[in-house]
Amino acid sequence: MKKKLMDILACPIDKYYPLELHIFEEKDEIVEGLIICPKCLRWYPIREEIPEMLPDELRDEKDELPFLKKWKNEIPKKILSEGKPFTLKIKERAMAKKNS
């Protein structure tokens, strides 16, 4: 994804603009990163240079959680614990209870 695209992107849920960009891997373009809506705390991954800005009902937790886990040291803590539509904290707590 080109950084310039951020000039026109708005949150598909609440139409908020501007969005926050966090870059995890960059070559000629952003290879992997995260786009965050600071208003609703929704996060959208950038994978293989493509921003995936799908509505919640078209997102699958089993596809999204590995991305959160891979980049958890780079992702803002507020997104890991309060982000939408999925958080890493809730999943980790559920797994801890399951293993108890």
C-alpha atoms as a PDB file:
ATOM      1  CA  MET A   1       0.000   0.000   0.000  1.00  0.00           C
ATOM      2  CA  LYS A   2       1.241   3.476  -0.739  1.00  0.00           C
ATOM      3  CA  LYS A   3       1.273   5.927   2.191  1.00  0.00           C
ATOM      4  CA  LYS A   4      -0.497   8.461  -0.009  1.00  0.00           C
ATOM      5  CA  LEU A   5      -3.632   6.295   0.106  1.00  0.00           C
ATOM      6  CA  MET A   6      -4.105   7.430   3.729  1.00  0.00           C
ATOM      7  CA  ASP A   7      -5.049  10.863   2.336  1.00  0.00           C
ATOM      8  CA  ILE A   8      -8.363   9.459   1.117  1.00  0.00           C
ATOM      9  CA  LEU A   9      -9.161   6.526   3.435  1.00  0.00           C
ATOM     10  CA  ALA A  10     -11.923   6.842   6.028  1.00  0.00           C
ATOM     11  CA  CYS A  11     -13.328   4.259   8.422  1.00  0.00           C
ATOM     12  CA  PRO A  12     -15.915   2.193   6.517  1.00  0.00           C
ATOM     13  CA  ILE A  13     -18.040   1.886   9.677  1.00  0.00           C
ATOM     14  CA  ASP A  14     -18.282   5.447  11.021  1.00  0.00           C
ATOM     15  CA  LYS A  15     -16.680   7.371   8.127  1.00  0.00           C
ATOM     16  CA  TYR A  16     -14.126   8.964  10.478  1.00  0.00           C
ATOM     17  CA  TYR A  17     -11.106  10.671   8.887  1.00  0.00           C
ATOM     18  CA  PRO A  18      -8.095  10.806   9.301  1.00  0.00           C
ATOM     19  CA  LEU A  19      -7.090   7.292  10.267  1.00  0.00           C
ATOM     20  CA  GLU A  20      -3.874   6.260  12.027  1.00  0.00           C
ATOM     21  CA  LEU A  21      -1.225   4.264  10.185  1.00  0.00           C
ATOM     22  CA  HIS A  22       1.221   1.892  11.875  1.00  0.00           C
ATOM     23  CA  ILE A  23       3.872   0.408   9.595  1.00  0.00           C
ATOM     24  CA  PHE A  24       5.390  -2.957  10.511  1.00  0.00           C
ATOM     25  CA  GLU A  25       7.186  -3.844   7.275  1.00  0.00           C
ATOM     26  CA  GLU A  26       7.990  -1.540   4.384  1.00  0.00           C
ATOM     27  CA  LYS A  27       9.796  -1.920   1.078  1.00  0.00           C
ATOM     28  CA  ASP A  28       8.777   0.209  -1.903  1.00  0.00           C
ATOM     29  CA  GLU A  29       5.306   0.166  -0.373  1.00  0.00           C
ATOM     30  CA  ILE A  30       3.844  -0.772   3.012  1.00  0.00           C
ATOM     31  CA  VAL A  31       3.944  -4.566   3.063  1.00  0.00           C
ATOM     32  CA  GLU A  32       2.443  -5.123   6.505  1.00  0.00           C
ATOM     33  CA  GLY A  33       0.866  -2.670   8.889  1.00  0.00           C
ATOM     34  CA  LEU A  34      -2.269  -1.569  10.656  1.00  0.00           C
ATOM     35  CA  ILE A  35      -4.833   1.129   9.994  1.00  0.00           C
ATOM     36  CA  ILE A  36      -6.740   2.290  13.081  1.00  0.00           C
ATOM     37  CA  CYS A  37      -9.865   4.403  13.434  1.00  0.00           C
ATOM     38  CA  PRO A  38      -9.252   6.464  16.587  1.00  0.00           C
ATOM     39  CA  LYS A  39     -12.988   7.153  16.947  1.00  0.00           C
ATOM     40  CA  CYS A  40     -14.390   3.597  17.060  1.00  0.00           C
ATOM     41  CA  LEU A  41     -11.080   1.726  17.700  1.00  0.00           C
ATOM     42  CA  ARG A  42     -11.582  -0.568  14.730  1.00  0.00           C
ATOM     43  CA  TRP A  43      -8.384  -1.872  13.216  1.00  0.00           C
ATOM     44  CA  TYR A  44      -7.724  -2.981   9.685  1.00  0.00           C
ATOM     45  CA  PRO A  45      -4.673  -5.044   8.725  1.00  0.00           C
ATOM     46  CA  ILE A  46      -2.416  -4.340   5.776  1.00  0.00           C
ATOM     47  CA  ARG A  47      -1.184  -7.686   4.439  1.00  0.00           C
ATOM     48  CA  GLU A  48       0.919  -8.238   1.326  1.00  0.00           C
ATOM     49  CA  GLU A  49       0.584  -4.503   0.498  1.00  0.00           C
ATOM     50  CA  ILE A  50      -3.253  -4.637   0.571  1.00  0.00           C
ATOM     51  CA  PRO A  51      -5.342  -2.766   3.174  1.00  0.00           C
ATOM     52  CA  GLU A  52      -8.178  -5.049   4.273  1.00  0.00           C
ATOM     53  CA  MET A  53     -10.948  -2.649   5.281  1.00  0.00           C
ATOM     54  CA  LEU A  54     -13.885  -5.013   5.549  1.00  0.00           C
ATOM     55  CA  PRO A  55     -16.969  -4.522   7.739  1.00  0.00           C
ATOM     56  CA  ASP A  56     -17.079  -6.606  10.928  1.00  0.00           C
ATOM     57  CA  GLU A  57     -19.523  -9.182   9.567  1.00  0.00           C
ATOM     58  CA  LEU A  58     -17.117 -10.091   6.747  1.00  0.00           C
ATOM     59  CA  ARG A  59     -14.132 -10.602   9.044  1.00  0.00           C
ATOM     60  CA  ASP A  60     -13.211 -13.944  10.566  1.00  0.00           C
ATOM     61  CA  GLU A  61     -11.560 -14.170  13.966  1.00  0.00           C
ATOM     62  CA  LYS A  62      -9.443 -17.174  12.922  1.00  0.00           C
ATOM     63  CA  ASP A  63      -7.910 -15.048  10.119  1.00  0.00           C
ATOM     64  CA  GLU A  64      -7.450 -11.904  12.220  1.00  0.00           C
ATOM     65  CA  LEU A  65      -5.982 -13.238  15.491  1.00  0.00           C
ATOM     66  CA  PRO A  66      -2.776 -14.606  13.935  1.00  0.00           C
ATOM     67  CA  PHE A  67      -2.092 -11.094  12.584  1.00  0.00           C
ATOM     68  CA  LEU A  68      -2.592  -9.581  16.058  1.00  0.00           C
ATOM     69  CA  LYS A  69      -0.330 -12.207  17.612  1.00  0.00           C
ATOM     70  CA  LYS A  70       2.389 -11.749  14.998  1.00  0.00           C
ATOM     71  CA  TRP A  71       2.590  -7.979  15.540  1.00  0.00           C
ATOM     72  CA  LYS A  72       1.477  -7.697  19.193  1.00  0.00           C
ATOM     73  CA  ASN A  73       4.697  -5.947  20.198  1.00  0.00           C
ATOM     74  CA  GLU A  74       4.108  -3.256  17.552  1.00  0.00           C
ATOM     75  CA  ILE A  75       0.347  -2.772  17.927  1.00  0.00           C
ATOM     76  CA  PRO A  76      -0.863  -0.130  20.432  1.00  0.00           C
ATOM     77  CA  LYS A  77      -1.944  -1.799  23.687  1.00  0.00           C
ATOM     78  CA  LYS A  78      -5.346  -0.108  23.544  1.00  0.00           C
ATOM     79  CA  ILE A  79      -6.082  -1.925  20.267  1.00  0.00           C
ATOM     80  CA  LEU A  80      -4.933  -5.272  21.679  1.00  0.00           C
ATOM     81  CA  SER A  81      -7.301  -4.897  24.649  1.00  0.00           C
ATOM     82  CA  GLU A  82     -10.180  -2.751  23.303  1.00  0.00           C
ATOM     83  CA  GLY A  83      -9.943  -2.837  19.497  1.00  0.00           C
ATOM     84  CA  LYS A  84     -12.820  -3.956  17.307  1.00  0.00           C
ATOM     85  CA  PRO A  85     -13.915  -6.355  16.004  1.00  0.00           C
ATOM     86  CA  PHE A  86     -11.430  -8.671  17.788  1.00  0.00           C
ATOM     87  CA  THR A  87      -8.944  -8.276  20.617  1.00  0.00           C
ATOM     88  CA  LEU A  88      -6.027 -10.379  21.684  1.00  0.00           C
ATOM     89  CA  LYS A  89      -6.707  -9.899  25.400  1.00  0.00           C
ATOM     90  CA  ILE A  90     -10.147 -11.510  25.360  1.00  0.00           C
ATOM     91  CA  LYS A  91      -8.872 -14.491  23.413  1.00  0.00           C
ATOM     92  CA  GLU A  92      -5.874 -14.944  25.760  1.00  0.00           C
ATOM     93  CA  ARG A  93      -8.156 -14.793  28.837  1.00  0.00           C
ATOM     94  CA  ALA A  94     -10.521 -17.370  27.326  1.00  0.00           C
ATOM     95  CA  MET A  95      -7.612 -19.703  26.575  1.00  0.00           C
ATOM     96  CA  ALA A  96      -6.223 -19.270  30.129  1.00  0.00           C
ATOM     97  CA  LYS A  97      -9.619 -20.191  31.631  1.00  0.00           C
ATOM     98  CA  LYS A  98      -9.864 -23.194  29.309  1.00  0.00           C
ATOM     99  CA  ASN A  99      -6.446 -24.430  30.445  1.00  0.00           C
ATOM    100  CA  SER A 100      -7.213 -23.952  34.172  1.00  0.00           C
END
